[in-house]
Amino acid sequence: MASDSEYSSGGETHHSQPPSLRRQKKIKTQQTLQQAEQSLYLKIVGPAKARVTNVTEEADRLLETGQTIADTLSKLTPNMESRPETLKSADSFLLEAKRTVHNLCSLYNYVDVILRDISMNESPFKDRYLAEAYTLIAKANPHVLAKQLHEMIFSLEAQLKELGYPLTSYVPPEDDESEPIHTMEHDMKLTCENNGLSNEPLITQKSPSNLEQTRKILEPEEEVKSLQRQSEKQQIHAVLNEQDSSHASILHEQQIPGSD
């Protein structure tokens, strides 16, 4: 009697799988790949993309709110009953804006680290997902948002200083100044070296506490230019990766048993 891998036809025994079994195995392989892709997206890719969207949308919101605050401060007089609360709210807003600038300037690092998960490295969808994530960042124009927020911060700090309000020092979360930051910088450096990209850091190590510190520490023009250069290079790299991934996918399909 022929085994599962053998069947008789015309008195001859063929050592190959029946077409029905080959189709079943092909379907099972496709289902396994789909499940792996879905799991990878929910666990890694989705959160990475959500981070980009949340940070850039927050920046847009702050830019709009900042203009309203600037207008309010320009009309503020010493005798206004709402003066103390208005100044305090503006100061709190500045802290939020500085935190968002930091998040914008670390988007590439954050995404690069989260996409280095071992399950991503072993996935056949890695190149495609990397391309999607970095293209999303490039299209979000974080360098433009960072520059606009820098300018708004300087303007509001100047207004508060002129009004005699003592600015609150911005202190980044502890995990942003300890090992996670160093790890992110190290990983991004390796990524840049491996892909021929710029090694210039995108993370601001210290955040401003007043107007003078802001100009001295953040160096907005240089940092934003660096972010813009990185954005352009990553966008090109993402497109190339996507093209390579598409070519590899076609070759993979051609090599699947029973696909003809």
C-alpha atoms as a PDB file:
ATOM      1  CA  MET A   1       0.000   0.000   0.000  1.00  0.00           C
ATOM      2  CA  ALA A   2       1.325   3.463  -0.860  1.00  0.00           C
ATOM      3  CA  SER A   3       2.273   5.730   1.981  1.00  0.00           C
ATOM      4  CA  ASP A   4       0.816   9.218   2.500  1.00  0.00           C
ATOM      5  CA  SER A   5       3.580  10.623   0.350  1.00  0.00           C
ATOM      6  CA  GLU A   6       3.022   8.119  -2.445  1.00  0.00           C
ATOM      7  CA  TYR A   7       0.144   7.354  -4.755  1.00  0.00           C
ATOM      8  CA  SER A   8      -0.348   4.972  -7.693  1.00  0.00           C
ATOM      9  CA  SER A   9      -1.181   6.029 -11.227  1.00  0.00           C
ATOM     10  CA  GLY A  10      -1.054   3.739 -14.239  1.00  0.00           C
ATOM     11  CA  GLY A  11       0.691   1.038 -12.224  1.00  0.00           C
ATOM     12  CA  GLU A  12       3.566   3.369 -11.315  1.00  0.00           C
ATOM     13  CA  THR A  13       4.367   4.593  -7.834  1.00  0.00           C
ATOM     14  CA  HIS A  14       5.178   8.310  -7.625  1.00  0.00           C
ATOM     15  CA  HIS A  15       7.182   9.558  -4.675  1.00  0.00           C
ATOM     16  CA  SER A  16       5.439  12.915  -4.523  1.00  0.00           C
ATOM     17  CA  GLN A  17       2.512  14.409  -2.649  1.00  0.00           C
ATOM     18  CA  PRO A  18      -1.002  14.390  -4.120  1.00  0.00           C
ATOM     19  CA  PRO A  19      -2.121  17.823  -5.422  1.00  0.00           C
ATOM     20  CA  SER A  20      -4.750  18.058  -2.670  1.00  0.00           C
ATOM     21  CA  LEU A  21      -2.122  17.581   0.036  1.00  0.00           C
ATOM     22  CA  ARG A  22       0.170  20.121  -1.572  1.00  0.00           C
ATOM     23  CA  ARG A  23      -2.683  22.631  -1.646  1.00  0.00           C
ATOM     24  CA  GLN A  24      -3.455  21.996   2.021  1.00  0.00           C
ATOM     25  CA  LYS A  25       0.170  22.552   2.986  1.00  0.00           C
ATOM     26  CA  LYS A  26       0.325  25.714   0.920  1.00  0.00           C
ATOM     27  CA  ILE A  27      -2.827  27.054   2.576  1.00  0.00           C
ATOM     28  CA  LYS A  28      -1.466  26.169   6.019  1.00  0.00           C
ATOM     29  CA  THR A  29       1.810  27.939   5.253  1.00  0.00           C
ATOM     30  CA  GLN A  30      -0.047  31.038   4.109  1.00  0.00           C
ATOM     31  CA  GLN A  31      -2.222  31.015   7.235  1.00  0.00           C
ATOM     32  CA  THR A  32       0.846  30.695   9.449  1.00  0.00           C
ATOM     33  CA  LEU A  33       2.475  33.650   7.724  1.00  0.00           C
ATOM     34  CA  GLN A  34      -0.688  35.726   8.068  1.00  0.00           C
ATOM     35  CA  GLN A  35      -0.945  34.946  11.784  1.00  0.00           C
ATOM     36  CA  ALA A  36       2.719  35.826  12.291  1.00  0.00           C
ATOM     37  CA  GLU A  37       2.254  39.079  10.409  1.00  0.00           C
ATOM     38  CA  GLN A  38      -0.820  40.018  12.449  1.00  0.00           C
ATOM     39  CA  SER A  39       0.919  39.210  15.731  1.00  0.00           C
ATOM     40  CA  LEU A  40       3.979  41.233  14.765  1.00  0.00           C
ATOM     41  CA  TYR A  41       1.871  44.213  13.802  1.00  0.00           C
ATOM     42  CA  LEU A  42      -0.146  44.211  17.030  1.00  0.00           C
ATOM     43  CA  LYS A  43       2.908  43.709  19.234  1.00  0.00           C
ATOM     44  CA  ILE A  44       5.504  45.951  17.583  1.00  0.00           C
ATOM     45  CA  VAL A  45       4.583  47.790  14.407  1.00  0.00           C
ATOM     46  CA  GLY A  46       1.242  49.158  15.605  1.00  0.00           C
ATOM     47  CA  PRO A  47       2.679  50.728  18.790  1.00  0.00           C
ATOM     48  CA  ALA A  48       5.606  52.192  16.836  1.00  0.00           C
ATOM     49  CA  LYS A  49       3.294  53.839  14.318  1.00  0.00           C
ATOM     50  CA  ALA A  50       0.963  55.010  17.078  1.00  0.00           C
ATOM     51  CA  ARG A  51       3.903  56.718  18.787  1.00  0.00           C
ATOM     52  CA  VAL A  52       4.678  58.692  15.633  1.00  0.00           C
ATOM     53  CA  THR A  53       1.047  59.694  15.152  1.00  0.00           C
ATOM     54  CA  ASN A  54       0.485  60.665  18.790  1.00  0.00           C
ATOM     55  CA  VAL A  55       3.640  62.782  19.069  1.00  0.00           C
ATOM     56  CA  THR A  56       3.088  64.675  15.820  1.00  0.00           C
ATOM     57  CA  GLU A  57      -0.611  65.264  16.526  1.00  0.00           C
ATOM     58  CA  GLU A  58       0.325  66.537  19.984  1.00  0.00           C
ATOM     59  CA  ALA A  59       2.795  68.943  18.386  1.00  0.00           C
ATOM     60  CA  ASP A  60       0.087  70.285  16.064  1.00  0.00           C
ATOM     61  CA  ARG A  61      -2.245  70.805  19.018  1.00  0.00           C
ATOM     62  CA  LEU A  62       0.418  72.624  21.025  1.00  0.00           C
ATOM     63  CA  LEU A  63       1.260  74.948  18.147  1.00  0.00           C
ATOM     64  CA  GLU A  64      -2.375  75.987  17.897  1.00  0.00           C
ATOM     65  CA  THR A  65      -2.749  76.417  21.655  1.00  0.00           C
ATOM     66  CA  GLY A  66       0.544  78.298  21.878  1.00  0.00           C
ATOM     67  CA  GLN A  67      -0.694  80.985  19.526  1.00  0.00           C
ATOM     68  CA  THR A  68      -3.747  81.529  21.716  1.00  0.00           C
ATOM     69  CA  ILE A  69      -1.564  81.778  24.837  1.00  0.00           C
ATOM     70  CA  ALA A  70       0.758  84.270  23.132  1.00  0.00           C
ATOM     71  CA  ASP A  71      -2.214  86.480  22.224  1.00  0.00           C
ATOM     72  CA  THR A  72      -3.532  86.293  25.795  1.00  0.00           C
ATOM     73  CA  LEU A  73      -0.159  87.226  27.301  1.00  0.00           C
ATOM     74  CA  SER A  74       0.189  90.198  24.970  1.00  0.00           C
ATOM     75  CA  LYS A  75      -3.078  91.626  26.336  1.00  0.00           C
ATOM     76  CA  LEU A  76      -2.324  90.887  29.986  1.00  0.00           C
ATOM     77  CA  THR A  77      -2.215  93.869  32.368  1.00  0.00           C
ATOM     78  CA  PRO A  78      -1.032  94.075  36.007  1.00  0.00           C
ATOM     79  CA  ASN A  79      -4.552  94.740  37.274  1.00  0.00           C
ATOM     80  CA  MET A  80      -6.229  91.750  35.672  1.00  0.00           C
ATOM     81  CA  GLU A  81      -7.657  89.328  38.218  1.00  0.00           C
ATOM     82  CA  SER A  82      -6.795  86.386  35.989  1.00  0.00           C
ATOM     83  CA  ARG A  83      -3.126  87.421  35.655  1.00  0.00           C
ATOM     84  CA  PRO A  84      -1.586  84.935  38.183  1.00  0.00           C
ATOM     85  CA  GLU A  85      -3.471  81.955  36.804  1.00  0.00           C
ATOM     86  CA  THR A  86      -2.753  82.963  33.205  1.00  0.00           C
ATOM     87  CA  LEU A  87       0.990  83.198  33.859  1.00  0.00           C
ATOM     88  CA  LYS A  88       0.997  79.877  35.686  1.00  0.00           C
ATOM     89  CA  SER A  89      -0.876  78.166  32.842  1.00  0.00           C
ATOM     90  CA  ALA A  90       1.564  79.560  30.283  1.00  0.00           C
ATOM     91  CA  ASP A  91       4.491  78.255  32.312  1.00  0.00           C
ATOM     92  CA  SER A  92       2.921  74.783  32.519  1.00  0.00           C
ATOM     93  CA  PHE A  93       2.279  74.877  28.799  1.00  0.00           C
ATOM     94  CA  LEU A  94       5.965  75.543  28.142  1.00  0.00           C
ATOM     95  CA  LEU A  95       6.936  72.414  30.057  1.00  0.00           C
ATOM     96  CA  GLU A  96       4.569  70.385  27.909  1.00  0.00           C
ATOM     97  CA  ALA A  97       5.937  71.948  24.727  1.00  0.00           C
ATOM     98  CA  LYS A  98       9.548  71.190  25.710  1.00  0.00           C
ATOM     99  CA  ARG A  99       8.647  67.594  26.443  1.00  0.00           C
ATOM    100  CA  THR A 100       7.035  67.301  23.010  1.00  0.00           C
ATOM    101  CA  VAL A 101      10.116  68.769  21.310  1.00  0.00           C
ATOM    102  CA  HIS A 102      12.167  66.063  22.997  1.00  0.00           C
ATOM    103  CA  ASN A 103       9.731  63.400  21.798  1.00  0.00           C
ATOM    104  CA  LEU A 104       9.841  64.719  18.247  1.00  0.00           C
ATOM    105  CA  CYS A 105      13.629  64.673  18.195  1.00  0.00           C
ATOM    106  CA  SER A 106      13.756  61.100  19.465  1.00  0.00           C
ATOM    107  CA  LEU A 107      11.169  59.562  17.137  1.00  0.00           C
ATOM    108  CA  TYR A 108      13.728  57.844  14.932  1.00  0.00           C
ATOM    109  CA  ASN A 109      15.566  56.482  17.953  1.00  0.00           C
ATOM    110  CA  TYR A 110      12.365  55.264  19.589  1.00  0.00           C
ATOM    111  CA  VAL A 111      11.102  53.515  16.462  1.00  0.00           C
ATOM    112  CA  ASP A 112      14.516  52.052  15.692  1.00  0.00           C
ATOM    113  CA  VAL A 113      14.773  50.503  19.150  1.00  0.00           C
ATOM    114  CA  ILE A 114      11.224  49.110  19.289  1.00  0.00           C
ATOM    115  CA  LEU A 115      11.637  47.553  15.835  1.00  0.00           C
ATOM    116  CA  ARG A 116      14.788  45.744  16.951  1.00  0.00           C
ATOM    117  CA  ASP A 117      12.703  43.166  18.805  1.00  0.00           C
ATOM    118  CA  ILE A 118      13.966  39.637  18.107  1.00  0.00           C
ATOM    119  CA  SER A 119      10.636  38.612  16.592  1.00  0.00           C
ATOM    120  CA  MET A 120      10.979  41.445  14.090  1.00  0.00           C
ATOM    121  CA  ASN A 121      14.497  40.415  13.111  1.00  0.00           C
ATOM    122  CA  GLU A 122      13.272  36.888  12.378  1.00  0.00           C
ATOM    123  CA  SER A 123      10.253  38.024  10.382  1.00  0.00           C
ATOM    124  CA  PRO A 124      10.079  37.983   6.565  1.00  0.00           C
ATOM    125  CA  PHE A 125       8.063  41.202   6.861  1.00  0.00           C
ATOM    126  CA  LYS A 126      10.859  43.134   8.592  1.00  0.00           C
ATOM    127  CA  ASP A 127      11.971  45.255   5.638  1.00  0.00           C
ATOM    128  CA  ARG A 128       8.426  46.169   4.684  1.00  0.00           C
ATOM    129  CA  TYR A 129       7.508  47.227   8.213  1.00  0.00           C
ATOM    130  CA  LEU A 130      10.713  49.229   8.622  1.00  0.00           C
ATOM    131  CA  ALA A 131       9.940  51.019   5.373  1.00  0.00           C
ATOM    132  CA  GLU A 132       6.382  51.778   6.515  1.00  0.00           C
ATOM    133  CA  ALA A 133       7.501  53.116   9.901  1.00  0.00           C
ATOM    134  CA  TYR A 134      10.292  55.349   8.638  1.00  0.00           C
ATOM    135  CA  THR A 135       8.199  56.612   5.728  1.00  0.00           C
ATOM    136  CA  LEU A 136       5.454  57.529   8.207  1.00  0.00           C
ATOM    137  CA  ILE A 137       7.962  59.571  10.213  1.00  0.00           C
ATOM    138  CA  ALA A 138       9.302  61.307   7.119  1.00  0.00           C
ATOM    139  CA  LYS A 139       5.806  62.261   5.930  1.00  0.00           C
ATOM    140  CA  ALA A 140       4.949  63.600   9.396  1.00  0.00           C
ATOM    141  CA  ASN A 141       7.749  66.183   9.041  1.00  0.00           C
ATOM    142  CA  PRO A 142       8.924  66.064  12.679  1.00  0.00           C
ATOM    143  CA  HIS A 143      11.807  68.420  11.845  1.00  0.00           C
ATOM    144  CA  VAL A 144       9.332  71.104  10.769  1.00  0.00           C
ATOM    145  CA  LEU A 145       7.181  70.637  13.866  1.00  0.00           C
ATOM    146  CA  ALA A 146      10.256  70.720  16.118  1.00  0.00           C
ATOM    147  CA  LYS A 147      11.443  73.976  14.576  1.00  0.00           C
ATOM    148  CA  GLN A 148       8.019  75.585  14.947  1.00  0.00           C
ATOM    149  CA  LEU A 149       7.785  74.490  18.575  1.00  0.00           C
ATOM    150  CA  HIS A 150      11.297  75.820  19.267  1.00  0.00           C
ATOM    151  CA  GLU A 151      10.331  79.223  17.916  1.00  0.00           C
ATOM    152  CA  MET A 152       7.107  79.235  19.918  1.00  0.00           C
ATOM    153  CA  ILE A 153       8.959  78.272  23.112  1.00  0.00           C
ATOM    154  CA  PHE A 154      11.457  81.107  22.681  1.00  0.00           C
ATOM    155  CA  SER A 155       8.687  83.601  22.050  1.00  0.00           C
ATOM    156  CA  LEU A 156       6.579  82.566  25.054  1.00  0.00           C
ATOM    157  CA  GLU A 157       9.597  82.468  27.369  1.00  0.00           C
ATOM    158  CA  ALA A 158      10.507  85.990  26.295  1.00  0.00           C
ATOM    159  CA  GLN A 159       6.958  87.148  27.047  1.00  0.00           C
ATOM    160  CA  LEU A 160       6.925  85.538  30.493  1.00  0.00           C
ATOM    161  CA  LYS A 161      10.344  86.936  31.298  1.00  0.00           C
ATOM    162  CA  GLU A 162       9.194  90.404  30.317  1.00  0.00           C
ATOM    163  CA  LEU A 163       6.160  89.977  32.561  1.00  0.00           C
ATOM    164  CA  GLY A 164       8.464  89.067  35.446  1.00  0.00           C
ATOM    165  CA  TYR A 165       7.313  85.485  35.859  1.00  0.00           C
ATOM    166  CA  PRO A 166       9.941  82.970  37.089  1.00  0.00           C
ATOM    167  CA  LEU A 167      10.040  80.051  34.662  1.00  0.00           C
ATOM    168  CA  THR A 168       9.849  76.507  35.994  1.00  0.00           C
ATOM    169  CA  SER A 169      12.826  74.309  35.126  1.00  0.00           C
ATOM    170  CA  TYR A 170      11.981  71.384  32.896  1.00  0.00           C
ATOM    171  CA  VAL A 171      13.259  68.059  34.239  1.00  0.00           C
ATOM    172  CA  PRO A 172      13.020  65.113  31.815  1.00  0.00           C
ATOM    173  CA  PRO A 173      11.804  61.755  33.199  1.00  0.00           C
ATOM    174  CA  GLU A 174      14.574  59.770  34.857  1.00  0.00           C
ATOM    175  CA  ASP A 175      14.403  56.965  32.312  1.00  0.00           C
ATOM    176  CA  ASP A 176      15.038  59.506  29.562  1.00  0.00           C
ATOM    177  CA  GLU A 177      18.431  60.479  30.993  1.00  0.00           C
ATOM    178  CA  SER A 178      19.698  57.147  32.190  1.00  0.00           C
ATOM    179  CA  GLU A 179      20.381  53.896  30.385  1.00  0.00           C
ATOM    180  CA  PRO A 180      17.409  53.841  27.980  1.00  0.00           C
ATOM    181  CA  ILE A 181      18.661  57.032  26.366  1.00  0.00           C
ATOM    182  CA  HIS A 182      22.177  55.663  26.029  1.00  0.00           C
ATOM    183  CA  THR A 183      20.818  52.443  24.588  1.00  0.00           C
ATOM    184  CA  MET A 184      18.724  54.331  22.060  1.00  0.00           C
ATOM    185  CA  GLU A 185      21.700  56.422  20.985  1.00  0.00           C
ATOM    186  CA  HIS A 186      23.869  53.323  20.651  1.00  0.00           C
ATOM    187  CA  ASP A 187      21.286  51.459  18.585  1.00  0.00           C
ATOM    188  CA  MET A 188      20.675  54.424  16.301  1.00  0.00           C
ATOM    189  CA  LYS A 189      24.418  54.837  15.778  1.00  0.00           C
ATOM    190  CA  LEU A 190      24.683  51.207  14.698  1.00  0.00           C
ATOM    191  CA  THR A 191      21.710  51.607  12.382  1.00  0.00           C
ATOM    192  CA  CYS A 192      23.278  54.645  10.770  1.00  0.00           C
ATOM    193  CA  GLU A 193      26.632  52.923  10.355  1.00  0.00           C
ATOM    194  CA  ASN A 194      25.060  49.807   8.860  1.00  0.00           C
ATOM    195  CA  ASN A 195      22.976  51.765   6.376  1.00  0.00           C
ATOM    196  CA  GLY A 196      25.362  54.583   5.528  1.00  0.00           C
ATOM    197  CA  LEU A 197      23.297  57.227   7.321  1.00  0.00           C
ATOM    198  CA  SER A 198      24.314  60.190   9.439  1.00  0.00           C
ATOM    199  CA  ASN A 199      25.506  59.457  12.984  1.00  0.00           C
ATOM    200  CA  GLU A 200      24.439  62.830  14.306  1.00  0.00           C
ATOM    201  CA  PRO A 201      22.401  62.463  17.539  1.00  0.00           C
ATOM    202  CA  LEU A 202      18.710  63.259  17.445  1.00  0.00           C
ATOM    203  CA  ILE A 203      18.050  63.179  21.204  1.00  0.00           C
ATOM    204  CA  THR A 204      18.399  66.289  23.313  1.00  0.00           C
ATOM    205  CA  GLN A 205      20.187  65.268  26.527  1.00  0.00           C
ATOM    206  CA  LYS A 206      19.161  68.324  28.517  1.00  0.00           C
ATOM    207  CA  SER A 207      16.003  70.367  28.251  1.00  0.00           C
ATOM    208  CA  PRO A 208      15.712  74.140  28.772  1.00  0.00           C
ATOM    209  CA  SER A 209      14.728  75.802  32.018  1.00  0.00           C
ATOM    210  CA  ASN A 210      14.721  79.408  30.777  1.00  0.00           C
ATOM    211  CA  LEU A 211      15.300  81.451  27.636  1.00  0.00           C
ATOM    212  CA  GLU A 212      19.102  81.568  27.909  1.00  0.00           C
ATOM    213  CA  GLN A 213      19.389  77.841  28.647  1.00  0.00           C
ATOM    214  CA  THR A 214      17.020  77.095  25.803  1.00  0.00           C
ATOM    215  CA  ARG A 215      19.179  78.855  23.232  1.00  0.00           C
ATOM    216  CA  LYS A 216      22.397  77.417  24.636  1.00  0.00           C
ATOM    217  CA  ILE A 217      21.336  73.804  25.168  1.00  0.00           C
ATOM    218  CA  LEU A 218      18.852  72.992  22.428  1.00  0.00           C
ATOM    219  CA  GLU A 219      20.650  74.794  19.578  1.00  0.00           C
ATOM    220  CA  PRO A 220      17.450  74.580  17.533  1.00  0.00           C
ATOM    221  CA  GLU A 221      18.769  75.379  14.087  1.00  0.00           C
ATOM    222  CA  GLU A 222      21.486  72.726  14.150  1.00  0.00           C
ATOM    223  CA  GLU A 223      19.290  70.111  15.815  1.00  0.00           C
ATOM    224  CA  VAL A 224      16.399  70.680  13.443  1.00  0.00           C
ATOM    225  CA  LYS A 225      18.692  70.621  10.418  1.00  0.00           C
ATOM    226  CA  SER A 226      20.137  67.339  11.657  1.00  0.00           C
ATOM    227  CA  LEU A 227      16.632  65.934  12.084  1.00  0.00           C
ATOM    228  CA  GLN A 228      15.705  67.094   8.591  1.00  0.00           C
ATOM    229  CA  ARG A 229      18.758  65.461   7.029  1.00  0.00           C
ATOM    230  CA  GLN A 230      17.991  62.246   8.894  1.00  0.00           C
ATOM    231  CA  SER A 231      14.385  62.410   7.698  1.00  0.00           C
ATOM    232  CA  GLU A 232      15.397  62.730   4.061  1.00  0.00           C
ATOM    233  CA  LYS A 233      17.919  59.880   4.284  1.00  0.00           C
ATOM    234  CA  GLN A 234      15.521  57.580   6.121  1.00  0.00           C
ATOM    235  CA  GLN A 235      12.808  58.242   3.528  1.00  0.00           C
ATOM    236  CA  ILE A 236      15.158  57.225   0.709  1.00  0.00           C
ATOM    237  CA  HIS A 237      16.274  54.173   2.696  1.00  0.00           C
ATOM    238  CA  ALA A 238      12.644  53.206   3.358  1.00  0.00           C
ATOM    239  CA  VAL A 239      11.750  53.314  -0.333  1.00  0.00           C
ATOM    240  CA  LEU A 240      14.754  51.176  -1.240  1.00  0.00           C
ATOM    241  CA  ASN A 241      13.875  48.658   1.475  1.00  0.00           C
ATOM    242  CA  GLU A 242      10.294  48.472   0.252  1.00  0.00           C
ATOM    243  CA  GLN A 243      11.458  47.771  -3.294  1.00  0.00           C
ATOM    244  CA  ASP A 244      13.845  45.050  -2.104  1.00  0.00           C
ATOM    245  CA  SER A 245      11.092  43.534   0.046  1.00  0.00           C
ATOM    246  CA  SER A 246       8.681  43.396  -2.902  1.00  0.00           C
ATOM    247  CA  HIS A 247      11.281  41.684  -5.059  1.00  0.00           C
ATOM    248  CA  ALA A 248      12.052  39.162  -2.303  1.00  0.00           C
ATOM    249  CA  SER A 249       8.339  38.455  -1.844  1.00  0.00           C
ATOM    250  CA  ILE A 250       7.957  37.623  -5.539  1.00  0.00           C
ATOM    251  CA  LEU A 251      10.907  35.244  -5.402  1.00  0.00           C
ATOM    252  CA  HIS A 252       9.507  33.617  -2.253  1.00  0.00           C
ATOM    253  CA  GLU A 253       6.145  32.957  -3.908  1.00  0.00           C
ATOM    254  CA  GLN A 254       7.852  31.402  -6.902  1.00  0.00           C
ATOM    255  CA  GLN A 255       9.714  29.015  -4.628  1.00  0.00           C
ATOM    256  CA  ILE A 256       6.659  27.764  -2.681  1.00  0.00           C
ATOM    257  CA  PRO A 257       6.067  24.045  -3.476  1.00  0.00           C
ATOM    258  CA  GLY A 258       2.978  23.417  -5.564  1.00  0.00           C
ATOM    259  CA  SER A 259       2.492  27.082  -6.456  1.00  0.00           C
ATOM    260  CA  ASP A 260       2.591  26.297 -10.181  1.00  0.00           C
END
